[in-house]
């Protein structure tokens, strides 16, 4: 992997590693716009200030947008979640394996 590719991945991971960023994106994955209040409920446990901060960062990164009906994924955000969709299957297998260890 080139250093340019490393920089791009590091920048994306830095954004996604911020608290609740992935959860905000995941809450929008069904493609239906959500108001601020509905998004706050969907994410769960996020303060209004933190949600505002995440929304601003994700909008600046062009992963989400805001329209008349609320917040929604952009084409880039939808593409990212499509690429991360294998996480759901992995998570199910992983939690099952963790439960067997106990």
PDB file of N, CA and C in Angstrom:
ATOM      1  N   UNK A   1       0.843  -1.169   0.000  1.00  0.00           N
ATOM      2  CA  UNK A   1       0.000   0.000   0.000  1.00  0.00           C
ATOM      3  C   UNK A   1       0.892   1.237   0.000  1.00  0.00           C
ATOM      4  N   UNK A   2       0.548   2.181  -0.850  1.00  0.00           N
ATOM      5  CA  UNK A   2       1.359   3.386  -0.957  1.00  0.00           C
ATOM      6  C   UNK A   2       1.106   4.313   0.238  1.00  0.00           C
ATOM      7  N   UNK A   3       2.010   5.251   0.428  1.00  0.00           N
ATOM      8  CA  UNK A   3       1.841   6.184   1.538  1.00  0.00           C
ATOM      9  C   UNK A   3       0.608   7.061   1.321  1.00  0.00           C
ATOM     10  N   UNK A   4       0.271   7.347   0.071  1.00  0.00           N
ATOM     11  CA  UNK A   4      -0.921   8.134  -0.237  1.00  0.00           C
ATOM     12  C   UNK A   4      -2.185   7.371   0.179  1.00  0.00           C
ATOM     13  N   UNK A   5      -2.189   6.059  -0.086  1.00  0.00           N
ATOM     14  CA  UNK A   5      -3.316   5.223   0.322  1.00  0.00           C
ATOM     15  C   UNK A   5      -3.406   5.140   1.844  1.00  0.00           C
ATOM     16  N   UNK A   6      -2.258   5.038   2.499  1.00  0.00           N
ATOM     17  CA  UNK A   6      -2.234   5.014   3.965  1.00  0.00           C
ATOM     18  C   UNK A   6      -2.819   6.284   4.556  1.00  0.00           C
ATOM     19  N   UNK A   7      -2.482   7.412   3.968  1.00  0.00           N
ATOM     20  CA  UNK A   7      -2.995   8.694   4.457  1.00  0.00           C
ATOM     21  C   UNK A   7      -4.512   8.717   4.330  1.00  0.00           C
ATOM     22  N   UNK A   8      -5.028   8.270   3.189  1.00  0.00           N
ATOM     23  CA  UNK A   8      -6.475   8.271   2.969  1.00  0.00           C
ATOM     24  C   UNK A   8      -7.182   7.365   3.973  1.00  0.00           C
ATOM     25  N   UNK A   9      -6.662   6.183   4.196  1.00  0.00           N
ATOM     26  CA  UNK A   9      -7.270   5.251   5.145  1.00  0.00           C
ATOM     27  C   UNK A   9      -7.184   5.810   6.555  1.00  0.00           C
ATOM     28  N   UNK A  10      -6.046   6.366   6.906  1.00  0.00           N
ATOM     29  CA  UNK A  10      -5.887   6.951   8.248  1.00  0.00           C
ATOM     30  C   UNK A  10      -6.868   8.093   8.478  1.00  0.00           C
ATOM     31  N   UNK A  11      -7.090   8.919   7.461  1.00  0.00           N
ATOM     32  CA  UNK A  11      -8.042  10.020   7.598  1.00  0.00           C
ATOM     33  C   UNK A  11      -9.462   9.486   7.791  1.00  0.00           C
ATOM     34  N   UNK A  12      -9.835   8.482   7.003  1.00  0.00           N
ATOM     35  CA  UNK A  12     -11.176   7.913   7.136  1.00  0.00           C
ATOM     36  C   UNK A  12     -11.350   7.244   8.496  1.00  0.00           C
ATOM     37  N   UNK A  13     -10.362   6.468   8.905  1.00  0.00           N
ATOM     38  CA  UNK A  13     -10.468   5.799  10.205  1.00  0.00           C
ATOM     39  C   UNK A  13     -10.513   6.802  11.355  1.00  0.00           C
ATOM     40  N   UNK A  14      -9.774   7.875  11.255  1.00  0.00           N
ATOM     41  CA  UNK A  14      -9.803   8.905  12.302  1.00  0.00           C
ATOM     42  C   UNK A  14     -11.209   9.478  12.437  1.00  0.00           C
ATOM     43  N   UNK A  15     -11.875   9.703  11.320  1.00  0.00           N
ATOM     44  CA  UNK A  15     -13.245  10.202  11.365  1.00  0.00           C
ATOM     45  C   UNK A  15     -14.186   9.161  11.962  1.00  0.00           C
ATOM     46  N   UNK A  16     -14.080   7.918  11.496  1.00  0.00           N
ATOM     47  CA  UNK A  16     -14.992   6.867  11.944  1.00  0.00           C
ATOM     48  C   UNK A  16     -14.741   6.438  13.385  1.00  0.00           C
ATOM     49  N   UNK A  17     -13.532   6.667  13.891  1.00  0.00           N
ATOM     50  CA  UNK A  17     -13.208   6.300  15.265  1.00  0.00           C
ATOM     51  C   UNK A  17     -13.760   7.282  16.287  1.00  0.00           C
ATOM     52  N   UNK A  18     -14.185   8.460  15.834  1.00  0.00           N
ATOM     53  CA  UNK A  18     -14.742   9.408  16.795  1.00  0.00           C
ATOM     54  C   UNK A  18     -16.024   8.825  17.372  1.00  0.00           C
ATOM     55  N   UNK A  19     -16.250   9.115  18.619  1.00  0.00           N
ATOM     56  CA  UNK A  19     -17.367   8.520  19.344  1.00  0.00           C
ATOM     57  C   UNK A  19     -18.698   8.765  18.628  1.00  0.00           C
ATOM     58  N   UNK A  20     -19.421   7.713  18.393  1.00  0.00           N
ATOM     59  CA  UNK A  20     -20.755   7.693  17.797  1.00  0.00           C
ATOM     60  C   UNK A  20     -20.791   7.923  16.283  1.00  0.00           C
ATOM     61  N   UNK A  21     -19.682   8.191  15.634  1.00  0.00           N
ATOM     62  CA  UNK A  21     -19.717   8.469  14.196  1.00  0.00           C
ATOM     63  C   UNK A  21     -20.301   7.293  13.409  1.00  0.00           C
ATOM     64  N   UNK A  22     -19.796   6.103  13.664  1.00  0.00           N
ATOM     65  CA  UNK A  22     -20.321   4.938  12.950  1.00  0.00           C
ATOM     66  C   UNK A  22     -21.774   4.664  13.318  1.00  0.00           C
ATOM     67  N   UNK A  23     -22.125   4.905  14.549  1.00  0.00           N
ATOM     68  CA  UNK A  23     -23.509   4.665  14.970  1.00  0.00           C
ATOM     69  C   UNK A  23     -24.467   5.634  14.285  1.00  0.00           C
ATOM     70  N   UNK A  24     -24.037   6.862  14.071  1.00  0.00           N
ATOM     71  CA  UNK A  24     -24.868   7.824  13.340  1.00  0.00           C
ATOM     72  C   UNK A  24     -25.052   7.340  11.903  1.00  0.00           C
ATOM     73  N   UNK A  25     -23.971   6.947  11.262  1.00  0.00           N
ATOM     74  CA  UNK A  25     -24.073   6.437   9.897  1.00  0.00           C
ATOM     75  C   UNK A  25     -24.963   5.204   9.843  1.00  0.00           C
ATOM     76  N   UNK A  26     -24.763   4.290  10.778  1.00  0.00           N
ATOM     77  CA  UNK A  26     -25.519   3.034  10.802  1.00  0.00           C
ATOM     78  C   UNK A  26     -27.008   3.310  10.997  1.00  0.00           C
ATOM     79  N   UNK A  27     -27.342   4.315  11.788  1.00  0.00           N
ATOM     80  CA  UNK A  27     -28.744   4.654  12.026  1.00  0.00           C
ATOM     81  C   UNK A  27     -29.436   5.142  10.750  1.00  0.00           C
ATOM     82  N   UNK A  28     -28.655   5.618   9.799  1.00  0.00           N
ATOM     83  CA  UNK A  28     -29.209   6.135   8.548  1.00  0.00           C
ATOM     84  C   UNK A  28     -29.170   5.113   7.416  1.00  0.00           C
ATOM     85  N   UNK A  29     -28.718   3.904   7.697  1.00  0.00           N
ATOM     86  CA  UNK A  29     -28.463   2.927   6.632  1.00  0.00           C
ATOM     87  C   UNK A  29     -29.703   2.472   5.884  1.00  0.00           C
ATOM     88  N   UNK A  30     -30.876   2.599   6.481  1.00  0.00           N
ATOM     89  CA  UNK A  30     -32.086   2.147   5.792  1.00  0.00           C
ATOM     90  C   UNK A  30     -32.522   3.092   4.675  1.00  0.00           C
ATOM     91  N   UNK A  31     -31.875   4.238   4.567  1.00  0.00           N
ATOM     92  CA  UNK A  31     -32.163   5.160   3.477  1.00  0.00           C
ATOM     93  C   UNK A  31     -33.267   6.161   3.756  1.00  0.00           C
ATOM     94  N   UNK A  32     -33.897   6.078   4.917  1.00  0.00           N
ATOM     95  CA  UNK A  32     -34.948   7.021   5.266  1.00  0.00           C
ATOM     96  C   UNK A  32     -34.357   8.195   6.043  1.00  0.00           C
ATOM     97  N   UNK A  33     -34.683   9.420   5.634  1.00  0.00           N
ATOM     98  CA  UNK A  33     -34.182  10.588   6.371  1.00  0.00           C
ATOM     99  C   UNK A  33     -34.694  10.576   7.811  1.00  0.00           C
ATOM    100  N   UNK A  34     -33.883  11.111   8.707  1.00  0.00           N
ATOM    101  CA  UNK A  34     -34.254  11.190  10.115  1.00  0.00           C
ATOM    102  C   UNK A  34     -34.048  12.610  10.622  1.00  0.00           C
ATOM    103  N   UNK A  35     -34.995  13.076  11.407  1.00  0.00           N
ATOM    104  CA  UNK A  35     -34.845  14.372  12.059  1.00  0.00           C
ATOM    105  C   UNK A  35     -33.772  14.255  13.141  1.00  0.00           C
ATOM    106  N   UNK A  36     -33.348  15.387  13.650  1.00  0.00           N
ATOM    107  CA  UNK A  36     -32.333  15.395  14.704  1.00  0.00           C
ATOM    108  C   UNK A  36     -32.793  14.550  15.886  1.00  0.00           C
ATOM    109  N   UNK A  37     -34.023  14.773  16.331  1.00  0.00           N
ATOM    110  CA  UNK A  37     -34.546  14.067  17.508  1.00  0.00           C
ATOM    111  C   UNK A  37     -34.642  12.559  17.255  1.00  0.00           C
ATOM    112  N   UNK A  38     -35.147  12.179  16.097  1.00  0.00           N
ATOM    113  CA  UNK A  38     -35.257  10.757  15.764  1.00  0.00           C
ATOM    114  C   UNK A  38     -33.870  10.126  15.663  1.00  0.00           C
ATOM    115  N   UNK A  39     -32.934  10.838  15.078  1.00  0.00           N
ATOM    116  CA  UNK A  39     -31.571  10.329  14.973  1.00  0.00           C
ATOM    117  C   UNK A  39     -30.949  10.172  16.355  1.00  0.00           C
ATOM    118  N   UNK A  40     -31.196  11.121  17.234  1.00  0.00           N
ATOM    119  CA  UNK A  40     -30.682  11.021  18.609  1.00  0.00           C
ATOM    120  C   UNK A  40     -31.248   9.775  19.285  1.00  0.00           C
ATOM    121  N   UNK A  41     -32.536   9.511  19.104  1.00  0.00           N
ATOM    122  CA  UNK A  41     -33.154   8.304  19.671  1.00  0.00           C
ATOM    123  C   UNK A  41     -32.596   7.038  19.027  1.00  0.00           C
ATOM    124  N   UNK A  42     -32.373   7.075  17.713  1.00  0.00           N
ATOM    125  CA  UNK A  42     -31.854   5.903  16.994  1.00  0.00           C
ATOM    126  C   UNK A  42     -30.452   5.534  17.448  1.00  0.00           C
ATOM    127  N   UNK A  43     -29.633   6.552  17.682  1.00  0.00           N
ATOM    128  CA  UNK A  43     -28.251   6.301  18.107  1.00  0.00           C
ATOM    129  C   UNK A  43     -28.228   5.861  19.563  1.00  0.00           C
ATOM    130  N   UNK A  44     -29.012   6.494  20.395  1.00  0.00           N
ATOM    131  CA  UNK A  44     -29.106   6.130  21.807  1.00  0.00           C
ATOM    132  C   UNK A  44     -27.906   6.577  22.618  1.00  0.00           C
ATOM    133  N   UNK A  45     -28.161   7.298  23.692  1.00  0.00           N
ATOM    134  CA  UNK A  45     -27.109   7.699  24.619  1.00  0.00           C
ATOM    135  C   UNK A  45     -26.242   8.857  24.170  1.00  0.00           C
ATOM    136  N   UNK A  46     -26.536   9.447  23.041  1.00  0.00           N
ATOM    137  CA  UNK A  46     -25.720  10.544  22.529  1.00  0.00           C
ATOM    138  C   UNK A  46     -26.338  11.873  22.970  1.00  0.00           C
ATOM    139  N   UNK A  47     -25.509  12.779  23.439  1.00  0.00           N
ATOM    140  CA  UNK A  47     -25.999  14.084  23.855  1.00  0.00           C
ATOM    141  C   UNK A  47     -26.252  14.950  22.615  1.00  0.00           C
ATOM    142  N   UNK A  48     -27.116  15.950  22.727  1.00  0.00           N
ATOM    143  CA  UNK A  48     -27.349  16.834  21.587  1.00  0.00           C
ATOM    144  C   UNK A  48     -26.075  17.507  21.083  1.00  0.00           C
ATOM    145  N   UNK A  49     -25.210  17.913  21.998  1.00  0.00           N
ATOM    146  CA  UNK A  49     -23.960  18.562  21.607  1.00  0.00           C
ATOM    147  C   UNK A  49     -23.069  17.609  20.806  1.00  0.00           C
ATOM    148  N   UNK A  50     -22.939  16.377  21.280  1.00  0.00           N
ATOM    149  CA  UNK A  50     -22.111  15.395  20.572  1.00  0.00           C
ATOM    150  C   UNK A  50     -22.721  15.072  19.217  1.00  0.00           C
ATOM    151  N   UNK A  51     -24.036  14.919  19.166  1.00  0.00           N
ATOM    152  CA  UNK A  51     -24.682  14.633  17.887  1.00  0.00           C
ATOM    153  C   UNK A  51     -24.459  15.773  16.905  1.00  0.00           C
ATOM    154  N   UNK A  52     -24.593  17.005  17.361  1.00  0.00           N
ATOM    155  CA  UNK A  52     -24.319  18.155  16.489  1.00  0.00           C
ATOM    156  C   UNK A  52     -22.898  18.117  15.948  1.00  0.00           C
ATOM    157  N   UNK A  53     -21.947  17.794  16.811  1.00  0.00           N
ATOM    158  CA  UNK A  53     -20.542  17.726  16.400  1.00  0.00           C
ATOM    159  C   UNK A  53     -20.332  16.636  15.360  1.00  0.00           C
ATOM    160  N   UNK A  54     -20.916  15.456  15.590  1.00  0.00           N
ATOM    161  CA  UNK A  54     -20.767  14.342  14.636  1.00  0.00           C
ATOM    162  C   UNK A  54     -21.423  14.668  13.309  1.00  0.00           C
ATOM    163  N   UNK A  55     -22.622  15.240  13.376  1.00  0.00           N
ATOM    164  CA  UNK A  55     -23.324  15.590  12.141  1.00  0.00           C
ATOM    165  C   UNK A  55     -22.514  16.591  11.320  1.00  0.00           C
ATOM    166  N   UNK A  56     -21.936  17.553  11.982  1.00  0.00           N
ATOM    167  CA  UNK A  56     -21.119  18.544  11.275  1.00  0.00           C
ATOM    168  C   UNK A  56     -19.922  17.878  10.600  1.00  0.00           C
ATOM    169  N   UNK A  57     -19.227  17.012  11.334  1.00  0.00           N
ATOM    170  CA  UNK A  57     -18.044  16.339  10.771  1.00  0.00           C
ATOM    171  C   UNK A  57     -18.429  15.415   9.614  1.00  0.00           C
ATOM    172  N   UNK A  58     -19.520  14.690   9.769  1.00  0.00           N
ATOM    173  CA  UNK A  58     -19.950  13.757   8.715  1.00  0.00           C
ATOM    174  C   UNK A  58     -20.476  14.504   7.491  1.00  0.00           C
ATOM    175  N   UNK A  59     -21.076  15.663   7.705  1.00  0.00           N
ATOM    176  CA  UNK A  59     -21.507  16.491   6.569  1.00  0.00           C
ATOM    177  C   UNK A  59     -20.300  17.073   5.850  1.00  0.00           C
ATOM    178  N   UNK A  60     -19.311  17.533   6.618  1.00  0.00           N
ATOM    179  CA  UNK A  60     -18.093  18.073   5.998  1.00  0.00           C
ATOM    180  C   UNK A  60     -17.354  17.004   5.206  1.00  0.00           C
ATOM    181  N   UNK A  61     -17.458  15.755   5.650  1.00  0.00           N
ATOM    182  CA  UNK A  61     -16.819  14.639   4.951  1.00  0.00           C
ATOM    183  C   UNK A  61     -17.684  14.137   3.786  1.00  0.00           C
ATOM    184  N   UNK A  62     -18.838  14.744   3.591  1.00  0.00           N
ATOM    185  CA  UNK A  62     -19.773  14.390   2.524  1.00  0.00           C
ATOM    186  C   UNK A  62     -20.275  12.945   2.642  1.00  0.00           C
ATOM    187  N   UNK A  63     -20.454  12.497   3.877  1.00  0.00           N
ATOM    188  CA  UNK A  63     -21.013  11.166   4.106  1.00  0.00           C
ATOM    189  C   UNK A  63     -22.497  11.235   4.419  1.00  0.00           C
ATOM    190  N   UNK A  64     -22.944  12.367   4.950  1.00  0.00           N
ATOM    191  CA  UNK A  64     -24.367  12.583   5.177  1.00  0.00           C
ATOM    192  C   UNK A  64     -24.744  13.959   4.658  1.00  0.00           C
ATOM    193  N   UNK A  65     -26.023  14.118   4.421  1.00  0.00           N
ATOM    194  CA  UNK A  65     -26.554  15.402   4.001  1.00  0.00           C
ATOM    195  C   UNK A  65     -27.776  15.729   4.831  1.00  0.00           C
ATOM    196  N   UNK A  66     -28.327  16.907   4.595  1.00  0.00           N
ATOM    197  CA  UNK A  66     -29.532  17.325   5.315  1.00  0.00           C
ATOM    198  C   UNK A  66     -30.490  17.942   4.318  1.00  0.00           C
ATOM    199  N   UNK A  67     -31.706  17.432   4.311  1.00  0.00           N
ATOM    200  CA  UNK A  67     -32.736  17.949   3.416  1.00  0.00           C
ATOM    201  C   UNK A  67     -33.976  18.334   4.192  1.00  0.00           C
ATOM    202  N   UNK A  68     -35.061  18.543   3.478  1.00  0.00           N
ATOM    203  CA  UNK A  68     -36.327  18.957   4.084  1.00  0.00           C
ATOM    204  C   UNK A  68     -36.844  17.963   5.120  1.00  0.00           C
ATOM    205  N   UNK A  69     -36.600  16.673   4.891  1.00  0.00           N
ATOM    206  CA  UNK A  69     -37.137  15.641   5.784  1.00  0.00           C
ATOM    207  C   UNK A  69     -36.161  15.205   6.867  1.00  0.00           C
ATOM    208  N   UNK A  70     -34.938  15.716   6.845  1.00  0.00           N
ATOM    209  CA  UNK A  70     -33.966  15.368   7.874  1.00  0.00           C
ATOM    210  C   UNK A  70     -32.630  14.963   7.300  1.00  0.00           C
ATOM    211  N   UNK A  71     -31.871  14.247   8.104  1.00  0.00           N
ATOM    212  CA  UNK A  71     -30.530  13.804   7.726  1.00  0.00           C
ATOM    213  C   UNK A  71     -30.614  12.496   6.955  1.00  0.00           C
ATOM    214  N   UNK A  72     -29.731  12.352   5.977  1.00  0.00           N
ATOM    215  CA  UNK A  72     -29.689  11.138   5.181  1.00  0.00           C
ATOM    216  C   UNK A  72     -28.262  10.891   4.697  1.00  0.00           C
ATOM    217  N   UNK A  73     -28.031   9.673   4.242  1.00  0.00           N
ATOM    218  CA  UNK A  73     -26.727   9.334   3.691  1.00  0.00           C
ATOM    219  C   UNK A  73     -26.569   9.953   2.314  1.00  0.00           C
ATOM    220  N   UNK A  74     -25.368  10.389   2.000  1.00  0.00           N
ATOM    221  CA  UNK A  74     -25.050  10.783   0.635  1.00  0.00           C
ATOM    222  C   UNK A  74     -24.690   9.508  -0.121  1.00  0.00           C
ATOM    223  N   UNK A  75     -24.417   9.636  -1.407  1.00  0.00           N
ATOM    224  CA  UNK A  75     -23.983   8.474  -2.191  1.00  0.00           C
ATOM    225  C   UNK A  75     -22.695   7.899  -1.603  1.00  0.00           C
ATOM    226  N   UNK A  76     -21.803   8.777  -1.158  1.00  0.00           N
ATOM    227  CA  UNK A  76     -20.549   8.322  -0.544  1.00  0.00           C
ATOM    228  C   UNK A  76     -20.786   7.585   0.764  1.00  0.00           C
ATOM    229  N   UNK A  77     -21.705   8.089   1.578  1.00  0.00           N
ATOM    230  CA  UNK A  77     -22.037   7.432   2.837  1.00  0.00           C
ATOM    231  C   UNK A  77     -22.672   6.075   2.609  1.00  0.00           C
ATOM    232  N   UNK A  78     -23.562   5.998   1.624  1.00  0.00           N
ATOM    233  CA  UNK A  78     -24.196   4.719   1.292  1.00  0.00           C
ATOM    234  C   UNK A  78     -23.157   3.720   0.782  1.00  0.00           C
ATOM    235  N   UNK A  79     -22.213   4.197  -0.015  1.00  0.00           N
ATOM    236  CA  UNK A  79     -21.145   3.332  -0.523  1.00  0.00           C
ATOM    237  C   UNK A  79     -20.285   2.806   0.618  1.00  0.00           C
ATOM    238  N   UNK A  80     -19.958   3.675   1.561  1.00  0.00           N
ATOM    239  CA  UNK A  80     -19.165   3.256   2.717  1.00  0.00           C
ATOM    240  C   UNK A  80     -19.895   2.177   3.505  1.00  0.00           C
ATOM    241  N   UNK A  81     -21.177   2.387   3.791  1.00  0.00           N
ATOM    242  CA  UNK A  81     -21.926   1.395   4.567  1.00  0.00           C
ATOM    243  C   UNK A  81     -22.101   0.094   3.799  1.00  0.00           C
ATOM    244  N   UNK A  82     -22.218   0.181   2.494  1.00  0.00           N
ATOM    245  CA  UNK A  82     -22.293  -1.035   1.678  1.00  0.00           C
ATOM    246  C   UNK A  82     -21.009  -1.848   1.844  1.00  0.00           C
ATOM    247  N   UNK A  83     -19.894  -1.153   1.843  1.00  0.00           N
ATOM    248  CA  UNK A  83     -18.600  -1.828   1.991  1.00  0.00           C
ATOM    249  C   UNK A  83     -18.402  -2.376   3.402  1.00  0.00           C
ATOM    250  N   UNK A  84     -19.060  -1.772   4.378  1.00  0.00           N
ATOM    251  CA  UNK A  84     -18.962  -2.230   5.763  1.00  0.00           C
ATOM    252  C   UNK A  84     -20.050  -3.241   6.126  1.00  0.00           C
ATOM    253  N   UNK A  85     -20.928  -3.559   5.201  1.00  0.00           N
ATOM    254  CA  UNK A  85     -22.074  -4.428   5.511  1.00  0.00           C
ATOM    255  C   UNK A  85     -21.660  -5.818   5.966  1.00  0.00           C
ATOM    256  N   UNK A  86     -20.501  -6.283   5.577  1.00  0.00           N
ATOM    257  CA  UNK A  86     -20.029  -7.587   6.036  1.00  0.00           C
ATOM    258  C   UNK A  86     -19.790  -7.603   7.544  1.00  0.00           C
ATOM    259  N   UNK A  87     -19.683  -6.443   8.160  1.00  0.00           N
ATOM    260  CA  UNK A  87     -19.492  -6.383   9.605  1.00  0.00           C
ATOM    261  C   UNK A  87     -20.660  -6.998  10.360  1.00  0.00           C
ATOM    262  N   UNK A  88     -21.859  -6.854   9.818  1.00  0.00           N
ATOM    263  CA  UNK A  88     -23.037  -7.391  10.495  1.00  0.00           C
ATOM    264  C   UNK A  88     -22.950  -8.911  10.599  1.00  0.00           C
ATOM    265  N   UNK A  89     -22.590  -9.569   9.502  1.00  0.00           N
ATOM    266  CA  UNK A  89     -22.456 -11.032   9.516  1.00  0.00           C
ATOM    267  C   UNK A  89     -21.295 -11.446  10.425  1.00  0.00           C
ATOM    268  N   UNK A  90     -20.189 -10.712  10.339  1.00  0.00           N
ATOM    269  CA  UNK A  90     -19.045 -11.017  11.185  1.00  0.00           C
ATOM    270  C   UNK A  90     -19.406 -10.847  12.653  1.00  0.00           C
ATOM    271  N   UNK A  91     -20.117  -9.772  12.990  1.00  0.00           N
ATOM    272  CA  UNK A  91     -20.490  -9.497  14.384  1.00  0.00           C
ATOM    273  C   UNK A  91     -21.354 -10.617  14.955  1.00  0.00           C
ATOM    274  N   UNK A  92     -22.272 -11.132  14.156  1.00  0.00           N
ATOM    275  CA  UNK A  92     -23.136 -12.224  14.627  1.00  0.00           C
ATOM    276  C   UNK A  92     -22.307 -13.469  14.933  1.00  0.00           C
ATOM    277  N   UNK A  93     -21.390 -13.811  14.044  1.00  0.00           N
ATOM    278  CA  UNK A  93     -20.526 -14.974  14.276  1.00  0.00           C
ATOM    279  C   UNK A  93     -19.613 -14.748  15.469  1.00  0.00           C
ATOM    280  N   UNK A  94     -19.085 -13.549  15.577  1.00  0.00           N
ATOM    281  CA  UNK A  94     -18.149 -13.227  16.650  1.00  0.00           C
ATOM    282  C   UNK A  94     -18.839 -13.295  18.011  1.00  0.00           C
ATOM    283  N   UNK A  95     -20.035 -12.713  18.131  1.00  0.00           N
ATOM    284  CA  UNK A  95     -20.719 -12.741  19.420  1.00  0.00           C
ATOM    285  C   UNK A  95     -21.108 -14.176  19.805  1.00  0.00           C
ATOM    286  N   UNK A  96     -21.464 -14.981  18.814  1.00  0.00           N
ATOM    287  CA  UNK A  96     -21.770 -16.385  19.099  1.00  0.00           C
ATOM    288  C   UNK A  96     -20.542 -17.107  19.618  1.00  0.00           C
ATOM    289  N   UNK A  97     -19.387 -16.855  19.022  1.00  0.00           N
ATOM    290  CA  UNK A  97     -18.157 -17.501  19.464  1.00  0.00           C
ATOM    291  C   UNK A  97     -17.751 -17.013  20.855  1.00  0.00           C
ATOM    292  N   UNK A  98     -18.013 -15.748  21.156  1.00  0.00           N
ATOM    293  CA  UNK A  98     -17.701 -15.207  22.479  1.00  0.00           C
ATOM    294  C   UNK A  98     -18.599 -15.830  23.530  1.00  0.00           C
ATOM    295  N   UNK A  99     -19.855 -16.048  23.182  1.00  0.00           N
ATOM    296  CA  UNK A  99     -20.797 -16.658  24.131  1.00  0.00           C
ATOM    297  C   UNK A  99     -20.410 -18.100  24.433  1.00  0.00           C
ATOM    298  N   UNK A 100     -19.872 -18.808  23.440  1.00  0.00           N
ATOM    299  CA  UNK A 100     -19.448 -20.191  23.664  1.00  0.00           C
ATOM    300  C   UNK A 100     -18.251 -20.287  24.577  1.00  0.00           C
ATOM    301  N   UNK A 101     -17.431 -19.255  24.618  1.00  0.00           N
ATOM    302  CA  UNK A 101     -16.248 -19.245  25.489  1.00  0.00           C
ATOM    303  C   UNK A 101     -16.626 -19.191  26.958  1.00  0.00           C
ATOM    304  N   UNK A 102     -17.778 -18.632  27.263  1.00  0.00           N
ATOM    305  CA  UNK A 102     -18.186 -18.419  28.667  1.00  0.00           C
ATOM    306  C   UNK A 102     -18.778 -19.623  29.275  1.00  0.00           C
TER     307      UNK A 102
END
